[in-house]
Protein backbone atom coordinates (compact mmCIF):
# COMPACT_ATOMS: atom_id res chain seq x y z
CA MET A 1 -17.41 15.58 -15.99
CA SER A 2 -15.16 18.28 -16.02
CA SER A 3 -13.86 18.18 -12.68
CA VAL A 4 -13.46 15.22 -10.17
CA ARG A 5 -14.82 16.75 -6.71
CA ILE A 6 -13.27 14.15 -3.84
CA GLY A 7 -14.79 13.71 -0.77
CA LEU A 8 -11.76 12.60 1.78
CA ILE A 9 -12.66 10.77 5.04
CA GLY A 10 -9.49 10.87 7.17
CA THR A 11 -7.22 13.34 7.97
CA GLY A 12 -4.31 11.85 9.47
CA ARG A 13 -0.74 11.78 8.14
CA ILE A 14 -2.01 9.37 5.62
CA GLY A 15 -5.10 11.79 4.92
CA GLN A 16 -2.99 14.57 4.83
CA VAL A 17 -0.66 12.78 2.22
CA HIS A 18 -3.74 12.59 -0.10
CA ALA A 19 -5.04 15.94 0.38
CA GLU A 20 -2.19 17.40 -1.05
CA SER A 21 -2.21 14.44 -3.84
CA ILE A 22 -5.85 15.73 -4.89
CA ALA A 23 -4.66 19.69 -4.48
CA GLY A 24 -1.81 19.13 -6.99
CA LEU A 25 -3.57 16.74 -9.36
CA PRO A 26 -5.35 18.80 -12.47
CA GLY A 27 -9.26 18.35 -13.08
CA VAL A 28 -9.44 17.14 -9.69
CA SER A 29 -10.61 19.24 -6.60
CA LEU A 30 -11.28 18.33 -2.84
CA ALA A 31 -14.62 19.34 -2.34
CA ARG A 32 -15.13 17.74 1.48
CA VAL A 33 -12.97 17.04 4.22
CA ALA A 34 -14.82 14.45 7.06
CA ASP A 35 -13.23 13.40 10.35
CA ILE A 36 -14.40 12.71 13.75
CA ASP A 37 -11.54 14.82 14.80
CA GLN A 38 -13.65 18.32 13.66
CA ALA A 39 -10.47 20.35 14.35
CA SER A 40 -8.24 18.20 12.24
CA ALA A 41 -10.77 18.36 9.34
CA LYS A 42 -11.37 21.91 9.79
CA ALA A 43 -7.61 23.08 9.43
CA THR A 44 -7.41 20.62 6.60
CA ALA A 45 -10.61 21.88 4.37
CA GLU A 46 -9.08 25.36 5.31
CA ARG A 47 -5.88 24.32 3.89
CA TYR A 48 -6.98 23.63 0.46
CA GLY A 49 -10.76 25.17 0.08
CA ALA A 50 -12.75 22.18 0.99
CA GLY A 51 -16.11 21.90 2.90
CA VAL A 52 -16.15 20.30 6.17
CA SER A 53 -18.47 17.14 7.05
CA LEU A 54 -19.03 14.17 9.22
CA PRO A 55 -18.19 11.17 7.59
CA GLU A 56 -21.50 10.01 6.50
CA GLU A 57 -22.62 13.39 5.28
CA VAL A 58 -19.93 12.84 2.82
CA PHE A 59 -22.21 9.89 1.07
CA THR A 60 -25.25 12.36 1.49
CA ALA A 61 -23.98 15.86 0.49
CA GLY A 62 -24.49 15.17 -3.07
CA ASP A 63 -21.59 17.50 -4.17
CA VAL A 64 -18.95 15.08 -4.34
CA ASP A 65 -17.79 12.53 -7.30
CA ALA A 66 -15.64 10.20 -5.26
CA VAL A 67 -14.49 9.06 -1.86
CA LEU A 68 -10.95 8.52 -0.89
CA ILE A 69 -10.81 6.92 2.38
CA ALA A 70 -7.82 7.17 4.78
CA SER A 71 -9.26 6.94 7.95
CA PRO A 72 -8.38 3.99 10.56
CA THR A 73 -8.50 0.06 9.35
CA VAL A 74 -11.38 -0.58 11.54
CA THR A 75 -13.50 1.91 9.54
CA HIS A 76 -12.49 0.99 5.89
CA LEU A 77 -14.89 -1.54 5.12
CA ASP A 78 -18.22 -0.01 6.90
CA LEU A 79 -17.18 3.20 4.66
CA MET A 80 -16.35 1.46 1.32
CA VAL A 81 -19.61 -0.27 1.46
CA ALA A 82 -21.53 3.01 1.98
CA SER A 83 -19.57 4.76 -0.96
CA VAL A 84 -20.59 1.69 -3.04
CA GLU A 85 -24.16 1.81 -1.72
CA ALA A 86 -24.03 5.87 -2.43
CA GLY A 87 -22.93 4.79 -6.17
CA LEU A 88 -19.68 6.68 -5.47
CA PRO A 89 -16.62 5.43 -6.80
CA VAL A 90 -14.11 4.74 -4.02
CA LEU A 91 -10.35 4.47 -3.19
CA CYS A 92 -9.46 3.06 0.09
CA GLU A 93 -6.67 2.63 1.96
CA LYS A 94 -4.74 -0.65 2.64
CA PRO A 95 -6.05 -3.16 4.27
CA ILE A 96 -9.49 -3.38 3.79
CA ASP A 97 -9.87 -4.73 7.06
CA LEU A 98 -8.11 -7.05 9.82
CA ASP A 99 -11.01 -9.89 9.40
CA ILE A 100 -11.18 -11.85 6.24
CA GLN A 101 -14.61 -12.93 7.67
CA ARG A 102 -15.85 -9.32 7.51
CA VAL A 103 -13.91 -9.04 4.13
CA ASP A 104 -16.37 -12.05 2.78
CA GLN A 105 -19.44 -11.02 4.25
CA VAL A 106 -19.78 -7.70 1.97
CA ARG A 107 -17.62 -9.15 -1.02
CA ASP A 108 -20.83 -10.21 -3.14
CA VAL A 109 -21.88 -6.63 -2.52
CA ILE A 110 -18.58 -4.78 -3.72
CA ASN A 111 -18.10 -7.19 -6.51
CA GLY A 112 -21.71 -7.40 -7.80
CA SER A 113 -22.01 -3.58 -8.03
CA GLU A 114 -20.76 -1.33 -10.76
CA VAL A 115 -19.45 1.23 -8.65
CA PRO A 116 -15.55 1.45 -9.18
CA VAL A 117 -13.40 0.46 -6.07
CA ALA A 118 -9.67 0.64 -5.80
CA ILE A 119 -7.51 -0.27 -2.72
CA GLY A 120 -4.38 1.82 -1.76
CA PHE A 121 -1.40 -0.21 -3.05
CA ASN A 122 0.41 2.86 -3.93
CA ARG A 123 3.68 1.09 -4.42
CA ARG A 124 2.51 -0.38 -8.06
CA PHE A 125 2.53 3.09 -9.16
CA ASP A 126 6.01 3.92 -8.09
CA PRO A 127 8.02 4.85 -10.87
CA HIS A 128 11.10 2.94 -10.49
CA PHE A 129 9.19 0.00 -9.44
CA GLN A 130 6.67 0.15 -12.56
CA GLU A 131 10.29 0.55 -14.69
CA PHE A 132 11.61 -2.73 -12.83
CA ARG A 133 8.26 -4.53 -13.94
CA ARG A 134 7.96 -3.59 -17.81
CA ARG A 135 11.80 -4.78 -18.09
CA VAL A 136 10.73 -7.87 -16.04
CA PHE A 137 7.89 -8.50 -18.58
CA SER A 138 9.10 -7.51 -21.61
CA GLY A 139 11.36 -10.39 -21.51
CA GLU A 140 14.61 -8.88 -21.61
CA ILE A 141 15.83 -11.39 -18.46
CA GLY A 142 14.09 -14.26 -20.35
CA SER A 143 11.09 -16.12 -17.90
CA LEU A 144 10.74 -14.89 -14.44
CA GLU A 145 12.49 -17.66 -11.77
CA GLN A 146 13.10 -15.63 -8.49
CA LEU A 147 11.97 -12.03 -7.15
CA LEU A 148 13.46 -10.71 -3.88
CA ILE A 149 12.03 -7.85 -2.46
CA THR A 150 13.72 -5.91 0.90
CA SER A 151 11.43 -3.25 2.71
CA ARG A 152 12.77 -1.86 5.70
CA ASP A 153 11.46 1.23 7.87
CA PRO A 154 13.70 3.77 9.24
CA ALA A 155 12.33 2.97 12.47
CA PRO A 156 8.79 1.64 13.94
CA ALA A 157 5.70 3.20 14.41
CA SER A 158 4.33 4.74 17.57
CA THR A 159 3.66 1.66 20.02
CA ASP A 160 -0.15 3.20 20.15
CA TYR A 161 -0.18 2.46 16.14
CA LEU A 162 1.70 -0.29 16.16
CA ALA A 163 -1.08 -2.03 19.16
CA VAL A 164 -3.91 -1.86 16.50
CA SER A 165 -2.32 -2.47 13.21
CA GLY A 166 -3.04 -6.38 12.76
CA GLY A 167 0.67 -7.21 13.35
CA ILE A 168 3.60 -6.31 10.97
CA PHE A 169 2.65 -9.05 7.83
CA ARG A 170 -0.87 -7.01 8.11
CA ASP A 171 0.25 -3.44 8.11
CA MET A 172 3.61 -3.79 6.64
CA THR A 173 4.44 -6.81 4.44
CA ILE A 174 0.88 -6.54 2.94
CA HIS A 175 2.50 -4.26 0.59
CA ASP A 176 4.92 -6.48 -0.43
CA PHE A 177 2.54 -9.45 -1.29
CA ASP A 178 0.69 -7.34 -3.41
CA LEU A 179 4.04 -6.52 -4.70
CA ALA A 180 4.38 -10.47 -5.24
CA ARG A 181 1.04 -10.95 -6.61
CA PHE A 182 1.51 -7.86 -9.35
CA PHE A 183 4.74 -10.01 -10.86
CA VAL A 184 3.76 -13.73 -10.29
CA GLY A 185 0.17 -13.71 -9.96
CA ASP A 186 -1.32 -16.19 -7.72
CA ILE A 187 0.24 -17.06 -4.59
CA VAL A 188 -0.43 -20.85 -3.12
CA GLU A 189 2.41 -21.55 -0.49
CA VAL A 190 3.30 -19.76 2.00
CA SER A 191 6.47 -20.27 4.81
CA ALA A 192 7.53 -17.15 7.03
CA GLN A 193 9.31 -16.65 10.35
CA GLY A 194 9.11 -14.03 12.66
CA TYR A 195 11.74 -12.60 14.75
CA ASN A 196 12.40 -10.13 18.10
CA GLN A 197 15.48 -8.72 17.53
CA PHE A 198 15.78 -5.34 18.71
CA SER A 199 12.14 -3.74 19.83
CA PRO A 200 11.15 -5.01 23.36
CA GLU A 201 7.97 -3.12 23.21
CA ILE A 202 6.71 -4.77 19.98
CA LYS A 203 7.32 -7.71 21.63
CA GLU A 204 5.05 -6.81 24.91
CA LEU A 205 2.56 -6.53 21.84
CA GLY A 206 2.87 -10.05 20.75
CA ASP A 207 4.29 -9.13 17.50
CA PHE A 208 7.75 -9.29 15.44
CA ASP A 209 9.66 -6.45 14.55
CA SER A 210 11.61 -8.60 11.65
CA THR A 211 9.83 -10.96 8.98
CA SER A 212 11.60 -13.36 6.28
CA ILE A 213 8.63 -15.13 4.15
CA ALA A 214 9.03 -17.75 1.22
CA LEU A 215 6.10 -17.70 -1.04
CA ARG A 216 5.30 -20.24 -4.27
CA SER A 217 3.32 -18.56 -7.15
CA ALA A 218 0.80 -21.25 -9.14
CA SER A 219 3.89 -21.31 -12.04
CA ASP A 220 6.15 -22.42 -9.06
CA GLN A 221 8.21 -18.84 -9.29
CA LEU A 222 9.91 -18.39 -5.78
CA VAL A 223 9.21 -14.71 -3.84
CA LEU A 224 11.40 -14.26 -0.82
CA ILE A 225 10.87 -10.92 1.56
CA THR A 226 12.74 -9.64 3.93
CA ASN A 227 11.04 -7.10 6.08
CA SER A 228 12.35 -4.84 9.14
CA ARG A 229 10.92 -2.15 11.46
CA HIS A 230 14.43 -0.34 11.69
CA ALA A 231 16.99 0.86 9.20
CA ALA A 232 19.68 2.90 10.36
CA TYR A 233 20.51 4.01 7.07
CA GLY A 234 17.35 5.20 6.14
CA PHE A 235 14.34 3.69 4.07
CA ASP A 236 15.41 0.63 2.57
CA GLN A 237 12.36 -0.17 -0.65
CA ARG A 238 14.68 -3.13 -3.29
CA MET A 239 13.69 -5.59 -5.90
CA GLU A 240 15.79 -7.94 -7.65
CA ALA A 241 14.41 -10.11 -10.26
CA LEU A 242 16.25 -13.19 -11.55
CA GLY A 243 15.16 -14.87 -14.93
CA SER A 244 16.21 -17.56 -17.21
CA GLU A 245 18.58 -15.12 -19.37
CA GLY A 246 19.56 -12.75 -16.77
CA MET A 247 18.75 -10.66 -13.62
CA VAL A 248 17.13 -6.64 -13.27
CA ARG A 249 17.73 -4.67 -10.01
CA VAL A 250 16.12 -1.34 -8.43
CA ASP A 251 18.01 0.08 -5.63
CA ASN A 252 17.20 2.57 -2.86
CA VAL A 253 16.50 5.97 -4.04
CA THR A 254 18.96 9.36 -2.85
CA ASP A 255 18.00 12.64 -3.32
CA THR A 256 20.59 13.00 -6.24
CA GLU A 257 22.99 10.81 -8.39
CA VAL A 258 26.03 13.15 -7.51
CA ARG A 259 28.74 10.42 -6.38
CA VAL A 260 32.10 11.52 -4.42
CA TYR A 261 35.14 9.48 -5.08
CA THR A 262 37.88 10.43 -2.46
CA SER A 263 40.80 8.83 -1.00
CA SER A 264 38.63 7.43 2.20
CA ALA A 265 35.89 6.80 -0.30
CA VAL A 266 34.94 5.67 -3.77
CA GLU A 267 31.14 6.24 -5.16
CA ALA A 268 30.10 8.04 -1.85
CA LYS A 269 26.08 8.49 -1.71
CA GLU A 270 23.83 10.84 -0.15
CA ARG A 271 21.96 9.01 2.50
CA TYR A 272 18.86 7.07 1.63
CA GLN A 273 15.88 8.96 1.80
CA ASN A 274 14.83 8.73 5.46
CA PHE A 275 10.69 8.54 5.05
CA PHE A 276 7.83 6.64 3.27
CA LEU A 277 6.92 10.26 1.62
CA GLU A 278 10.30 11.34 0.39
CA ARG A 279 10.74 7.94 -1.37
CA HIS A 280 7.15 7.37 -2.45
CA MET A 281 5.30 10.60 -2.78
CA ASP A 282 5.20 10.53 -6.66
CA SER A 283 3.27 6.85 -5.98
CA TYR A 284 0.59 8.43 -4.54
CA ARG A 285 0.15 11.12 -7.05
CA ARG A 286 0.10 8.30 -9.96
CA GLU A 287 -2.35 6.20 -7.79
CA LEU A 288 -4.71 8.96 -7.45
CA ALA A 289 -4.40 10.05 -11.32
CA GLU A 290 -5.42 6.33 -12.24
CA PHE A 291 -8.05 5.94 -9.61
CA VAL A 292 -9.33 9.57 -11.55
CA LYS A 293 -9.10 7.86 -14.68
CA LEU A 294 -11.40 5.02 -13.19
CA VAL A 295 -14.22 7.44 -11.68
CA ARG A 296 -14.04 8.83 -15.58
CA GLY A 297 -14.95 5.49 -16.92
CA GLU A 298 -11.79 5.49 -18.78
CA PRO A 299 -9.52 2.17 -18.67
CA ALA A 300 -7.38 2.26 -15.46
CA GLU A 301 -4.73 0.07 -13.71
CA THR A 302 -5.94 0.05 -9.98
CA PRO A 303 -5.88 -2.57 -7.96
CA SER A 304 -9.17 -4.18 -6.94
CA PHE A 305 -11.11 -5.18 -4.28
CA ASP A 306 -10.12 -8.92 -4.49
CA ASP A 307 -6.29 -7.48 -4.90
CA GLY A 308 -6.78 -6.38 -1.31
CA ARG A 309 -8.56 -9.36 -0.35
CA MET A 310 -6.02 -11.56 -1.59
CA ALA A 311 -3.13 -10.30 0.16
CA LEU A 312 -5.05 -9.82 3.39
CA VAL A 313 -5.19 -13.80 3.13
CA ILE A 314 -1.48 -13.98 2.52
CA ALA A 315 -1.05 -11.94 5.26
CA ASP A 316 -3.07 -14.24 7.29
CA ALA A 317 -1.23 -17.09 5.87
CA ALA A 318 1.86 -15.77 7.11
CA THR A 319 0.51 -15.43 10.62
CA GLU A 320 -0.03 -18.65 10.66
CA SER A 321 3.22 -20.12 9.57
CA ALA A 322 5.21 -17.78 11.37
CA ARG A 323 3.10 -18.81 14.50
CA THR A 324 3.47 -22.45 14.01
CA GLY A 325 6.37 -22.92 11.88
CA ARG A 326 4.15 -25.01 9.02
CA VAL A 327 4.45 -23.92 5.51
CA VAL A 328 0.45 -22.64 4.84
CA ARG A 329 -1.26 -23.40 1.37
CA VAL A 330 -3.09 -20.30 0.18
CA GLU A 331 -6.68 -21.08 -0.81
CA ALA A 332 -8.39 -18.25 -3.44
């Protein structure tokens, strides 16, 4: 396979991110672009020299080698199944769906197929987080005992988006649930609290604007996650790992490593990057490159369908815990 031809379904904000990644990766081309918003699809196709399709045509046109799903969450599952049935490897944005019962209904179809399926948990591919994980797994700090994950957005998404997002645990924290499993493996217990600290609009939707979650792994490791839908100082993405022999930490990112020392401030930095694309664009490129390995039949470390399913299972458990005040056991 000389060049991997990708069909992109969905040309919203995240679709534009993937279109740019496809265009910038050697040996990959954007063959088709599909969206129910034909004007958006046409504009994206013209920008990258691709053909325009309806979503269902991507699977039958015969001129794509793989599919990337970046459409709204409610469409993910059906499009993923359609791709598998068409024999086309697929990379699907998270979450797989908002309803675990629907996910389980197609689980055997997905897992019983030889068609490669990957889920878009891009933070696994962030170079800072990858180096952090390498240091943890190298044994440098001994055996891992505690993992602390901080994830705060600069500001909430639009109310229209939040109304259909599935709630903060399924929409935002699901990235952190996947990272937790990436470090400690199976999660067996969830204790979560939800707060309404600053957004009456989010409260009106019946959701939380801030959360704190404690996870217990099967090996009795502790993961603590803190989320907020706002942070006045920028995109806040940090992790800290405590081991039996020490600690390792990954901090936020600025555009440069310049520090200023004056009579009024010491080690003054530029502000943190203020948008998830500034912070994580590299991770989307690396995610795509790893998926292309999968398409080519090469060894690849991509999150699987079951990784996506388990992140949703934990999100559901966190939602239940926050609503009831109970610790919730997690069953695979």
